[in-house]
């Protein structure tokens, strides 16, 4: 809804305040208002272009849509300047309001997670810590009995696949030699493989 409001807000302004309303305005009001609007728009574009690059042109779509609604009315030159300045100012206000609303929404949504990051172990999987499944874990299918930690379980499965017992760790030498070679001639086997 915020995105839709930002996109059609400047264009729909012509229905709330028709551009012909500003016919007969004073030049002393129109020119300073237009100058302030253009300076504010130039500053906002410069700031966002430094951060977002070419995608900043996407932010101009509501402004262009809003300005295309002005010629649909019978507007004199002063009315055109005032209506254009008001379109630019409404576009700026809506753009910053929507960006601020998104920032507030995402901050509020992510704050509980950020406030308790230590209790979530910084987002890392608890590897060798003892783990007892909670009620929600059991509902999801984890057995109610204590399960082995992830690192221990994974090491046991790799040892099973390598064909070694769980009394010692799997080494690169085991992978280099293969399962049926004795452990002693590792250097001889390495030399033979390198020379081949």
N, C-alpha and C. Protein backbone atom coordinates (compact mmCIF):
# COMPACT_ATOMS: atom_id res chain seq x y z
N UNK A 1 0.82 -1.20 0.00
CA UNK A 1 0.00 0.00 0.00
C UNK A 1 0.86 1.26 0.00
N UNK A 2 1.96 1.20 0.76
CA UNK A 2 2.86 2.36 0.77
C UNK A 2 3.45 2.60 -0.61
N UNK A 3 3.84 1.51 -1.28
CA UNK A 3 4.42 1.67 -2.62
C UNK A 3 3.38 2.26 -3.58
N UNK A 4 2.13 1.78 -3.51
CA UNK A 4 1.07 2.30 -4.38
C UNK A 4 0.81 3.78 -4.09
N UNK A 5 0.78 4.14 -2.81
CA UNK A 5 0.58 5.55 -2.45
C UNK A 5 1.71 6.42 -2.98
N UNK A 6 2.95 5.92 -2.87
CA UNK A 6 4.09 6.68 -3.38
C UNK A 6 4.03 6.82 -4.90
N UNK A 7 3.60 5.75 -5.57
CA UNK A 7 3.61 5.76 -7.03
C UNK A 7 2.52 6.65 -7.61
N UNK A 8 1.31 6.61 -7.07
CA UNK A 8 0.21 7.37 -7.67
C UNK A 8 -0.12 8.64 -6.89
N UNK A 9 0.58 8.87 -5.77
CA UNK A 9 0.27 10.05 -4.95
C UNK A 9 0.38 11.36 -5.70
N UNK A 10 1.52 11.66 -6.36
CA UNK A 10 1.61 12.93 -7.07
C UNK A 10 0.60 13.04 -8.22
N UNK A 11 0.29 11.94 -8.88
CA UNK A 11 -0.67 11.99 -9.99
C UNK A 11 -2.08 12.23 -9.46
N UNK A 12 -2.43 11.59 -8.33
CA UNK A 12 -3.78 11.75 -7.80
C UNK A 12 -3.97 13.10 -7.12
N UNK A 13 -2.90 13.84 -6.88
CA UNK A 13 -3.03 15.16 -6.29
C UNK A 13 -3.87 16.08 -7.17
N UNK A 14 -3.84 15.86 -8.47
CA UNK A 14 -4.60 16.73 -9.38
C UNK A 14 -6.10 16.60 -9.17
N UNK A 15 -6.55 15.48 -8.56
CA UNK A 15 -7.98 15.34 -8.26
C UNK A 15 -8.33 16.05 -6.96
N UNK A 16 -7.40 16.10 -6.02
CA UNK A 16 -7.65 16.82 -4.77
C UNK A 16 -7.55 18.33 -4.96
N UNK A 17 -6.48 18.74 -5.63
CA UNK A 17 -6.28 20.17 -5.92
C UNK A 17 -6.01 20.29 -7.41
N UNK A 18 -7.00 20.57 -8.22
CA UNK A 18 -6.77 20.68 -9.66
C UNK A 18 -5.75 21.78 -9.97
N UNK A 19 -4.89 21.55 -10.96
CA UNK A 19 -3.88 22.57 -11.29
C UNK A 19 -4.48 23.92 -11.68
N UNK A 20 -5.69 23.91 -12.21
CA UNK A 20 -6.32 25.18 -12.61
C UNK A 20 -6.64 26.05 -11.39
N UNK A 21 -6.60 25.47 -10.18
CA UNK A 21 -6.81 26.24 -8.96
C UNK A 21 -5.77 27.34 -8.81
N UNK A 22 -4.57 27.09 -9.34
CA UNK A 22 -3.47 28.02 -9.15
C UNK A 22 -3.40 29.09 -10.24
N UNK A 23 -4.38 29.11 -11.16
CA UNK A 23 -4.40 30.17 -12.17
C UNK A 23 -4.55 31.53 -11.48
N UNK A 24 -3.82 32.49 -11.97
CA UNK A 24 -3.91 33.84 -11.42
C UNK A 24 -3.06 34.03 -10.18
N UNK A 25 -2.20 33.09 -9.86
CA UNK A 25 -1.31 33.27 -8.70
C UNK A 25 -0.28 34.35 -9.00
N UNK A 26 0.33 34.86 -7.97
CA UNK A 26 1.33 35.92 -8.14
C UNK A 26 2.67 35.31 -8.54
N UNK A 27 3.38 36.02 -9.43
CA UNK A 27 4.73 35.57 -9.81
C UNK A 27 5.66 35.60 -8.61
N UNK A 28 5.41 36.49 -7.68
CA UNK A 28 6.26 36.60 -6.49
C UNK A 28 6.13 35.35 -5.60
N UNK A 29 5.02 34.64 -5.74
CA UNK A 29 4.84 33.40 -5.01
C UNK A 29 5.33 32.22 -5.85
N UNK A 30 5.03 32.24 -7.15
CA UNK A 30 5.32 31.10 -8.02
C UNK A 30 6.82 30.86 -8.17
N UNK A 31 7.59 31.90 -8.44
CA UNK A 31 9.02 31.71 -8.71
C UNK A 31 9.80 31.24 -7.48
N UNK A 32 9.63 31.86 -6.28
CA UNK A 32 10.35 31.31 -5.13
C UNK A 32 9.92 29.88 -4.78
N UNK A 33 8.62 29.59 -4.91
CA UNK A 33 8.15 28.24 -4.62
C UNK A 33 8.77 27.23 -5.58
N UNK A 34 8.82 27.59 -6.86
CA UNK A 34 9.45 26.71 -7.85
C UNK A 34 10.94 26.55 -7.58
N UNK A 35 11.61 27.65 -7.20
CA UNK A 35 13.05 27.57 -6.91
C UNK A 35 13.32 26.65 -5.72
N UNK A 36 12.52 26.78 -4.66
CA UNK A 36 12.69 25.91 -3.48
C UNK A 36 12.44 24.45 -3.86
N UNK A 37 11.38 24.20 -4.63
CA UNK A 37 11.05 22.82 -5.03
C UNK A 37 12.16 22.21 -5.87
N UNK A 38 12.67 22.98 -6.84
CA UNK A 38 13.73 22.44 -7.71
C UNK A 38 15.03 22.23 -6.95
N UNK A 39 15.38 23.13 -6.04
CA UNK A 39 16.60 22.94 -5.24
C UNK A 39 16.47 21.72 -4.33
N UNK A 40 15.30 21.54 -3.72
CA UNK A 40 15.10 20.37 -2.85
C UNK A 40 15.15 19.09 -3.67
N UNK A 41 14.53 19.10 -4.86
CA UNK A 41 14.55 17.90 -5.71
C UNK A 41 15.96 17.61 -6.20
N UNK A 42 16.71 18.64 -6.58
CA UNK A 42 18.09 18.44 -7.04
C UNK A 42 18.95 17.86 -5.91
N UNK A 43 18.80 18.40 -4.69
CA UNK A 43 19.57 17.90 -3.55
C UNK A 43 19.22 16.44 -3.26
N UNK A 44 17.92 16.12 -3.25
CA UNK A 44 17.49 14.74 -2.98
C UNK A 44 18.01 13.80 -4.06
N UNK A 45 17.95 14.22 -5.31
CA UNK A 45 18.46 13.38 -6.40
C UNK A 45 19.96 13.17 -6.28
N UNK A 46 20.68 14.23 -5.94
CA UNK A 46 22.14 14.13 -5.80
C UNK A 46 22.51 13.18 -4.67
N UNK A 47 21.80 13.26 -3.54
CA UNK A 47 22.10 12.40 -2.40
C UNK A 47 21.79 10.94 -2.72
N UNK A 48 20.64 10.70 -3.33
CA UNK A 48 20.28 9.31 -3.65
C UNK A 48 21.11 8.75 -4.79
N UNK A 49 21.48 9.58 -5.76
CA UNK A 49 22.30 9.09 -6.88
C UNK A 49 23.68 8.67 -6.39
N UNK A 50 24.21 9.35 -5.38
CA UNK A 50 25.51 8.95 -4.83
C UNK A 50 25.42 7.59 -4.15
N UNK A 51 24.25 7.25 -3.64
CA UNK A 51 24.07 5.97 -2.93
C UNK A 51 23.60 4.86 -3.84
N UNK A 52 22.64 5.15 -4.73
CA UNK A 52 22.00 4.10 -5.53
C UNK A 52 22.41 4.08 -7.00
N UNK A 53 23.08 5.10 -7.48
CA UNK A 53 23.52 5.11 -8.87
C UNK A 53 22.36 5.30 -9.84
N UNK A 54 22.38 4.53 -10.94
CA UNK A 54 21.39 4.72 -12.00
C UNK A 54 19.98 4.33 -11.59
N UNK A 55 19.84 3.51 -10.56
CA UNK A 55 18.50 3.12 -10.11
C UNK A 55 17.73 4.31 -9.56
N UNK A 56 18.41 5.43 -9.31
CA UNK A 56 17.76 6.62 -8.81
C UNK A 56 16.72 7.13 -9.79
N UNK A 57 16.91 6.87 -11.07
CA UNK A 57 15.92 7.30 -12.07
C UNK A 57 14.56 6.65 -11.81
N UNK A 58 14.55 5.48 -11.19
CA UNK A 58 13.30 4.82 -10.83
C UNK A 58 12.48 5.68 -9.87
N UNK A 59 13.17 6.43 -8.99
CA UNK A 59 12.47 7.27 -8.01
C UNK A 59 11.75 8.44 -8.68
N UNK A 60 12.11 8.75 -9.93
CA UNK A 60 11.48 9.88 -10.62
C UNK A 60 10.15 9.51 -11.27
N UNK A 61 9.80 8.23 -11.32
CA UNK A 61 8.57 7.81 -12.00
C UNK A 61 7.33 8.49 -11.43
N UNK A 62 7.12 8.53 -10.10
CA UNK A 62 5.92 9.23 -9.60
C UNK A 62 5.89 10.71 -9.95
N UNK A 63 7.05 11.35 -9.94
CA UNK A 63 7.10 12.76 -10.29
C UNK A 63 6.71 12.97 -11.75
N UNK A 64 7.23 12.14 -12.63
CA UNK A 64 6.90 12.27 -14.05
C UNK A 64 5.41 12.02 -14.27
N UNK A 65 4.87 10.99 -13.59
CA UNK A 65 3.43 10.73 -13.70
C UNK A 65 2.62 11.92 -13.19
N UNK A 66 3.05 12.51 -12.09
CA UNK A 66 2.34 13.65 -11.54
C UNK A 66 2.37 14.86 -12.45
N UNK A 67 3.53 15.12 -13.06
CA UNK A 67 3.65 16.28 -13.94
C UNK A 67 2.86 16.09 -15.24
N UNK A 68 2.67 14.84 -15.66
CA UNK A 68 1.89 14.64 -16.90
C UNK A 68 0.42 14.93 -16.69
N UNK A 69 -0.05 14.98 -15.45
CA UNK A 69 -1.46 15.31 -15.21
C UNK A 69 -1.77 16.79 -15.29
N UNK A 70 -0.76 17.65 -15.24
CA UNK A 70 -1.00 19.10 -15.25
C UNK A 70 -1.54 19.58 -16.60
N UNK A 71 -0.99 19.14 -17.76
CA UNK A 71 -1.51 19.65 -19.03
C UNK A 71 -2.96 19.23 -19.34
N UNK A 72 -3.53 18.33 -18.57
CA UNK A 72 -4.91 17.92 -18.81
C UNK A 72 -5.90 19.00 -18.38
N UNK A 73 -5.43 20.03 -17.69
CA UNK A 73 -6.28 21.11 -17.21
C UNK A 73 -5.91 22.40 -17.92
N UNK A 74 -6.80 23.35 -17.87
CA UNK A 74 -6.55 24.66 -18.46
C UNK A 74 -5.76 25.48 -17.45
N UNK A 75 -4.44 25.53 -17.65
CA UNK A 75 -3.54 26.15 -16.68
C UNK A 75 -2.74 27.24 -17.38
N UNK A 76 -2.67 28.43 -16.76
CA UNK A 76 -1.82 29.47 -17.32
C UNK A 76 -0.38 29.27 -16.85
N UNK A 77 0.53 30.14 -17.24
CA UNK A 77 1.96 29.96 -16.97
C UNK A 77 2.25 29.96 -15.47
N UNK A 78 1.66 30.90 -14.73
CA UNK A 78 1.92 30.97 -13.29
C UNK A 78 1.33 29.74 -12.59
N UNK A 79 0.13 29.34 -13.01
CA UNK A 79 -0.48 28.14 -12.44
C UNK A 79 0.35 26.89 -12.71
N UNK A 80 0.96 26.85 -13.90
CA UNK A 80 1.83 25.71 -14.25
C UNK A 80 3.01 25.66 -13.29
N UNK A 81 3.65 26.81 -13.03
CA UNK A 81 4.80 26.84 -12.12
C UNK A 81 4.42 26.41 -10.71
N UNK A 82 3.30 26.95 -10.21
CA UNK A 82 2.88 26.61 -8.84
C UNK A 82 2.48 25.14 -8.76
N UNK A 83 1.68 24.67 -9.73
CA UNK A 83 1.26 23.27 -9.71
C UNK A 83 2.46 22.33 -9.83
N UNK A 84 3.43 22.69 -10.69
CA UNK A 84 4.64 21.87 -10.83
C UNK A 84 5.46 21.85 -9.55
N UNK A 85 5.58 23.02 -8.90
CA UNK A 85 6.32 23.08 -7.63
C UNK A 85 5.63 22.26 -6.56
N UNK A 86 4.32 22.32 -6.50
CA UNK A 86 3.59 21.53 -5.50
C UNK A 86 3.73 20.04 -5.80
N UNK A 87 3.71 19.66 -7.08
CA UNK A 87 3.92 18.25 -7.44
C UNK A 87 5.29 17.77 -6.97
N UNK A 88 6.30 18.59 -7.18
CA UNK A 88 7.67 18.21 -6.77
C UNK A 88 7.75 18.08 -5.25
N UNK A 89 7.16 19.01 -4.53
CA UNK A 89 7.21 18.95 -3.06
C UNK A 89 6.43 17.75 -2.53
N UNK A 90 5.26 17.47 -3.12
CA UNK A 90 4.48 16.29 -2.69
C UNK A 90 5.27 15.02 -2.98
N UNK A 91 5.93 14.97 -4.13
CA UNK A 91 6.76 13.80 -4.48
C UNK A 91 7.88 13.61 -3.47
N UNK A 92 8.54 14.71 -3.08
CA UNK A 92 9.62 14.62 -2.10
C UNK A 92 9.10 14.14 -0.75
N UNK A 93 8.00 14.73 -0.29
CA UNK A 93 7.44 14.36 1.01
C UNK A 93 7.03 12.89 1.01
N UNK A 94 6.34 12.44 -0.05
CA UNK A 94 5.91 11.04 -0.13
C UNK A 94 7.11 10.09 -0.20
N UNK A 95 8.13 10.46 -0.96
CA UNK A 95 9.30 9.60 -1.08
C UNK A 95 9.99 9.40 0.26
N UNK A 96 10.22 10.49 0.99
CA UNK A 96 10.89 10.38 2.28
C UNK A 96 9.98 9.74 3.32
N UNK A 97 8.66 9.99 3.23
CA UNK A 97 7.73 9.38 4.18
C UNK A 97 7.68 7.87 3.99
N UNK A 98 7.62 7.42 2.73
CA UNK A 98 7.58 5.98 2.46
C UNK A 98 8.90 5.32 2.86
N UNK A 99 10.02 5.96 2.54
CA UNK A 99 11.32 5.39 2.94
C UNK A 99 11.43 5.32 4.46
N UNK A 100 10.97 6.36 5.16
CA UNK A 100 10.98 6.33 6.62
C UNK A 100 10.05 5.27 7.18
N UNK A 101 8.89 5.09 6.56
CA UNK A 101 7.95 4.06 7.03
C UNK A 101 8.54 2.67 6.85
N UNK A 102 9.18 2.42 5.70
CA UNK A 102 9.84 1.12 5.50
C UNK A 102 10.93 0.89 6.53
N UNK A 103 11.72 1.93 6.81
CA UNK A 103 12.79 1.78 7.80
C UNK A 103 12.21 1.45 9.18
N UNK A 104 11.13 2.14 9.57
CA UNK A 104 10.51 1.87 10.87
C UNK A 104 9.93 0.46 10.91
N UNK A 105 9.24 0.05 9.85
CA UNK A 105 8.62 -1.28 9.81
C UNK A 105 9.69 -2.36 9.94
N UNK A 106 10.75 -2.26 9.17
CA UNK A 106 11.78 -3.30 9.22
C UNK A 106 12.57 -3.26 10.52
N UNK A 107 12.74 -2.09 11.10
CA UNK A 107 13.43 -2.01 12.40
C UNK A 107 12.59 -2.67 13.49
N UNK A 108 11.29 -2.36 13.50
CA UNK A 108 10.41 -2.96 14.51
C UNK A 108 10.32 -4.47 14.32
N UNK A 109 10.28 -4.92 13.06
CA UNK A 109 10.16 -6.35 12.81
C UNK A 109 11.42 -7.12 13.18
N UNK A 110 12.58 -6.51 12.95
CA UNK A 110 13.83 -7.24 13.21
C UNK A 110 14.40 -6.97 14.61
N UNK A 111 13.84 -6.03 15.35
CA UNK A 111 14.42 -5.69 16.65
C UNK A 111 14.41 -6.85 17.64
N UNK A 112 13.32 -7.63 17.76
CA UNK A 112 13.37 -8.75 18.71
C UNK A 112 14.51 -9.73 18.43
N UNK A 113 14.78 -9.99 17.15
CA UNK A 113 15.87 -10.89 16.80
C UNK A 113 17.22 -10.27 17.13
N UNK A 114 17.38 -8.98 16.83
CA UNK A 114 18.65 -8.32 17.12
C UNK A 114 18.89 -8.16 18.61
N UNK A 115 17.82 -7.99 19.38
CA UNK A 115 17.98 -7.81 20.82
C UNK A 115 18.38 -9.11 21.50
N UNK A 116 18.05 -10.26 20.89
CA UNK A 116 18.36 -11.55 21.52
C UNK A 116 19.34 -12.36 20.68
N UNK A 117 20.27 -11.69 20.00
CA UNK A 117 21.18 -12.41 19.12
C UNK A 117 22.08 -13.38 19.88
N UNK A 118 22.42 -13.08 21.14
CA UNK A 118 23.27 -13.99 21.91
C UNK A 118 22.53 -15.28 22.24
N UNK A 119 21.24 -15.17 22.54
CA UNK A 119 20.49 -16.39 22.86
C UNK A 119 20.28 -17.26 21.63
N UNK A 120 20.42 -16.67 20.43
CA UNK A 120 20.33 -17.45 19.19
C UNK A 120 21.70 -17.89 18.71
N UNK A 121 22.70 -17.74 19.54
CA UNK A 121 24.09 -18.12 19.23
C UNK A 121 24.58 -17.44 17.94
N UNK A 122 24.22 -16.18 17.78
CA UNK A 122 24.65 -15.36 16.65
C UNK A 122 24.23 -15.97 15.31
N UNK A 123 23.18 -16.77 15.29
CA UNK A 123 22.70 -17.38 14.07
C UNK A 123 23.45 -18.62 13.65
N UNK A 124 24.39 -19.10 14.47
CA UNK A 124 25.16 -20.29 14.12
C UNK A 124 24.48 -21.53 14.67
N UNK A 125 24.68 -22.64 13.98
CA UNK A 125 24.13 -23.91 14.45
C UNK A 125 24.92 -24.36 15.67
N UNK A 126 24.25 -24.72 16.77
CA UNK A 126 25.01 -25.21 17.93
C UNK A 126 25.64 -26.55 17.60
N UNK A 127 26.95 -26.58 17.46
CA UNK A 127 27.62 -27.78 16.98
C UNK A 127 27.81 -28.84 18.03
N UNK A 128 28.57 -28.59 19.06
CA UNK A 128 28.90 -29.65 20.01
C UNK A 128 28.23 -29.44 21.36
N UNK A 129 27.32 -28.50 21.46
CA UNK A 129 26.63 -28.30 22.74
C UNK A 129 25.54 -29.36 22.89
N UNK A 130 25.25 -29.74 24.12
CA UNK A 130 24.17 -30.68 24.37
C UNK A 130 22.85 -30.01 24.01
N UNK A 131 21.96 -30.78 23.43
CA UNK A 131 20.71 -30.21 22.95
C UNK A 131 19.54 -31.06 23.41
N UNK A 132 18.54 -30.42 23.97
CA UNK A 132 17.32 -31.11 24.36
C UNK A 132 16.18 -30.51 23.56
N UNK A 133 15.47 -31.32 22.79
CA UNK A 133 14.40 -30.77 21.94
C UNK A 133 13.29 -30.14 22.78
N UNK A 134 12.78 -29.02 22.30
CA UNK A 134 11.66 -28.36 22.97
C UNK A 134 10.35 -28.95 22.44
N UNK A 135 9.24 -28.45 22.96
CA UNK A 135 7.93 -28.93 22.53
C UNK A 135 7.74 -28.68 21.03
N UNK A 136 8.13 -27.50 20.57
CA UNK A 136 7.98 -27.17 19.15
C UNK A 136 8.84 -28.08 18.29
N UNK A 137 10.05 -28.42 18.75
CA UNK A 137 10.91 -29.35 18.00
C UNK A 137 10.25 -30.71 17.87
N UNK A 138 9.63 -31.17 18.97
CA UNK A 138 8.97 -32.48 18.91
C UNK A 138 7.76 -32.45 17.97
N UNK A 139 7.05 -31.31 17.94
CA UNK A 139 5.93 -31.19 17.01
C UNK A 139 6.43 -31.27 15.56
N UNK A 140 7.61 -30.73 15.31
CA UNK A 140 8.18 -30.75 13.96
C UNK A 140 8.79 -32.10 13.60
N UNK A 141 8.87 -33.04 14.54
CA UNK A 141 9.35 -34.37 14.19
C UNK A 141 10.65 -34.79 14.80
N UNK A 142 11.30 -33.93 15.59
CA UNK A 142 12.55 -34.32 16.24
C UNK A 142 12.19 -35.26 17.39
N UNK A 143 12.90 -36.38 17.55
CA UNK A 143 12.56 -37.31 18.63
C UNK A 143 12.64 -36.67 20.01
N UNK A 144 11.84 -37.18 20.94
CA UNK A 144 11.82 -36.59 22.28
C UNK A 144 13.07 -36.95 23.08
N UNK A 145 13.77 -38.02 22.71
CA UNK A 145 15.01 -38.37 23.40
C UNK A 145 16.09 -37.37 23.02
N UNK A 146 17.09 -37.26 23.88
CA UNK A 146 18.20 -36.35 23.58
C UNK A 146 18.92 -36.82 22.32
N UNK A 147 19.22 -35.91 21.44
CA UNK A 147 19.92 -36.24 20.21
C UNK A 147 21.36 -35.78 20.35
N UNK A 148 22.25 -36.45 19.60
CA UNK A 148 23.65 -36.04 19.67
C UNK A 148 23.83 -34.71 18.95
N UNK A 149 24.80 -33.92 19.37
CA UNK A 149 25.03 -32.63 18.71
C UNK A 149 25.39 -32.82 17.24
N UNK A 150 25.17 -31.79 16.45
CA UNK A 150 25.36 -31.86 15.01
C UNK A 150 26.78 -32.28 14.63
N UNK A 151 27.78 -31.66 15.25
CA UNK A 151 29.16 -31.96 14.87
C UNK A 151 29.51 -33.42 15.20
N UNK A 152 29.08 -33.89 16.37
CA UNK A 152 29.36 -35.29 16.74
C UNK A 152 28.65 -36.25 15.80
N UNK A 153 27.39 -35.98 15.50
CA UNK A 153 26.64 -36.85 14.60
C UNK A 153 27.29 -36.88 13.22
N UNK A 154 27.67 -35.72 12.70
CA UNK A 154 28.28 -35.65 11.37
C UNK A 154 29.62 -36.37 11.34
N UNK A 155 30.43 -36.22 12.39
CA UNK A 155 31.72 -36.92 12.45
C UNK A 155 31.52 -38.43 12.47
N UNK A 156 30.53 -38.89 13.22
CA UNK A 156 30.25 -40.33 13.26
C UNK A 156 29.81 -40.85 11.89
N UNK A 157 28.98 -40.11 11.20
CA UNK A 157 28.52 -40.56 9.87
C UNK A 157 29.67 -40.60 8.86
N UNK A 158 30.56 -39.61 8.93
CA UNK A 158 31.72 -39.61 8.01
C UNK A 158 32.65 -40.77 8.33
N UNK A 159 32.86 -41.06 9.63
CA UNK A 159 33.67 -42.22 10.01
C UNK A 159 33.04 -43.51 9.50
N UNK A 160 31.72 -43.63 9.60
CA UNK A 160 31.03 -44.82 9.10
C UNK A 160 31.24 -44.98 7.60
N UNK A 161 31.12 -43.87 6.86
CA UNK A 161 31.31 -43.92 5.41
C UNK A 161 32.75 -44.26 5.04
N UNK A 162 33.71 -43.79 5.85
CA UNK A 162 35.12 -44.07 5.57
C UNK A 162 35.52 -45.47 6.00
N UNK A 163 34.70 -46.14 6.79
CA UNK A 163 35.00 -47.49 7.22
C UNK A 163 35.98 -47.58 8.37
N UNK A 164 36.07 -46.57 9.19
CA UNK A 164 36.96 -46.63 10.36
C UNK A 164 36.11 -46.62 11.62
N UNK A 165 36.70 -47.10 12.71
CA UNK A 165 35.95 -47.13 13.97
C UNK A 165 35.95 -45.74 14.59
N UNK A 166 35.17 -45.57 15.64
CA UNK A 166 35.01 -44.25 16.26
C UNK A 166 36.04 -43.99 17.34
N UNK A 167 37.09 -44.80 17.40
CA UNK A 167 38.11 -44.60 18.43
C UNK A 167 39.13 -43.55 18.01
N UNK A 168 39.24 -43.27 16.74
CA UNK A 168 40.19 -42.26 16.28
C UNK A 168 39.51 -41.40 15.21
N UNK A 169 40.13 -40.29 14.90
CA UNK A 169 39.57 -39.37 13.93
C UNK A 169 40.00 -39.75 12.52
N UNK A 170 39.18 -39.46 11.56
CA UNK A 170 39.51 -39.65 10.15
C UNK A 170 40.53 -38.59 9.76
N UNK A 171 41.62 -39.00 9.12
CA UNK A 171 42.68 -38.06 8.74
C UNK A 171 42.81 -38.00 7.23
N UNK A 172 43.56 -37.00 6.76
CA UNK A 172 43.82 -36.90 5.33
C UNK A 172 44.65 -38.08 4.85
N UNK A 173 45.48 -38.61 5.76
CA UNK A 173 46.26 -39.80 5.40
C UNK A 173 45.36 -40.98 5.07
N UNK A 174 44.26 -41.15 5.83
CA UNK A 174 43.31 -42.21 5.53
C UNK A 174 42.70 -42.01 4.15
N UNK A 175 42.38 -40.77 3.83
CA UNK A 175 41.80 -40.49 2.52
C UNK A 175 42.82 -40.66 1.40
N UNK A 176 44.08 -40.34 1.69
CA UNK A 176 45.14 -40.41 0.69
C UNK A 176 45.48 -41.86 0.37
N UNK A 177 45.62 -42.69 1.40
CA UNK A 177 46.03 -44.09 1.22
C UNK A 177 44.89 -44.96 0.73
N UNK A 178 43.71 -44.76 1.27
CA UNK A 178 42.60 -45.67 1.01
C UNK A 178 42.39 -46.56 2.21
N UNK A 179 41.28 -47.31 2.25
CA UNK A 179 40.94 -48.05 3.45
C UNK A 179 41.76 -49.32 3.68
N UNK A 180 42.38 -49.91 2.65
CA UNK A 180 43.02 -51.22 2.83
C UNK A 180 44.54 -51.13 2.97
N UNK A 181 45.14 -49.95 3.03
CA UNK A 181 46.59 -49.81 3.16
C UNK A 181 46.96 -49.60 4.63
N UNK A 182 48.16 -50.07 5.03
CA UNK A 182 48.60 -49.83 6.42
C UNK A 182 48.90 -48.35 6.64
N UNK A 183 48.94 -47.95 7.90
CA UNK A 183 49.11 -46.53 8.22
C UNK A 183 50.56 -46.06 8.09
N UNK A 184 51.56 -46.91 8.13
CA UNK A 184 52.95 -46.47 8.20
C UNK A 184 53.49 -45.84 6.93
N UNK A 185 53.30 -46.42 5.76
CA UNK A 185 54.01 -45.87 4.58
C UNK A 185 53.30 -44.68 3.94
N UNK A 186 52.90 -43.72 4.72
CA UNK A 186 52.18 -42.56 4.15
C UNK A 186 53.10 -41.75 3.25
N UNK A 187 54.35 -41.49 3.69
CA UNK A 187 55.24 -40.66 2.88
C UNK A 187 55.61 -41.34 1.58
N UNK A 188 55.83 -42.66 1.63
CA UNK A 188 56.15 -43.39 0.41
C UNK A 188 54.99 -43.29 -0.59
N UNK A 189 53.76 -43.45 -0.11
CA UNK A 189 52.59 -43.37 -0.97
C UNK A 189 52.43 -41.97 -1.53
N UNK A 190 52.68 -40.97 -0.69
CA UNK A 190 52.56 -39.57 -1.16
C UNK A 190 53.59 -39.28 -2.23
N UNK A 191 54.87 -39.77 -2.02
CA UNK A 191 55.91 -39.55 -3.03
C UNK A 191 55.55 -40.20 -4.34
N UNK A 192 55.04 -41.44 -4.26
CA UNK A 192 54.67 -42.17 -5.46
C UNK A 192 53.57 -41.43 -6.24
N UNK A 193 52.58 -40.89 -5.52
CA UNK A 193 51.46 -40.22 -6.19
C UNK A 193 51.89 -38.90 -6.78
N UNK A 194 52.80 -38.20 -6.10
CA UNK A 194 53.27 -36.90 -6.61
C UNK A 194 54.12 -37.13 -7.86
N UNK A 195 54.97 -38.14 -7.85
CA UNK A 195 55.84 -38.38 -9.00
C UNK A 195 55.05 -38.92 -10.20
N UNK A 196 53.90 -39.52 -9.96
CA UNK A 196 53.10 -40.07 -11.05
C UNK A 196 52.35 -38.98 -11.72
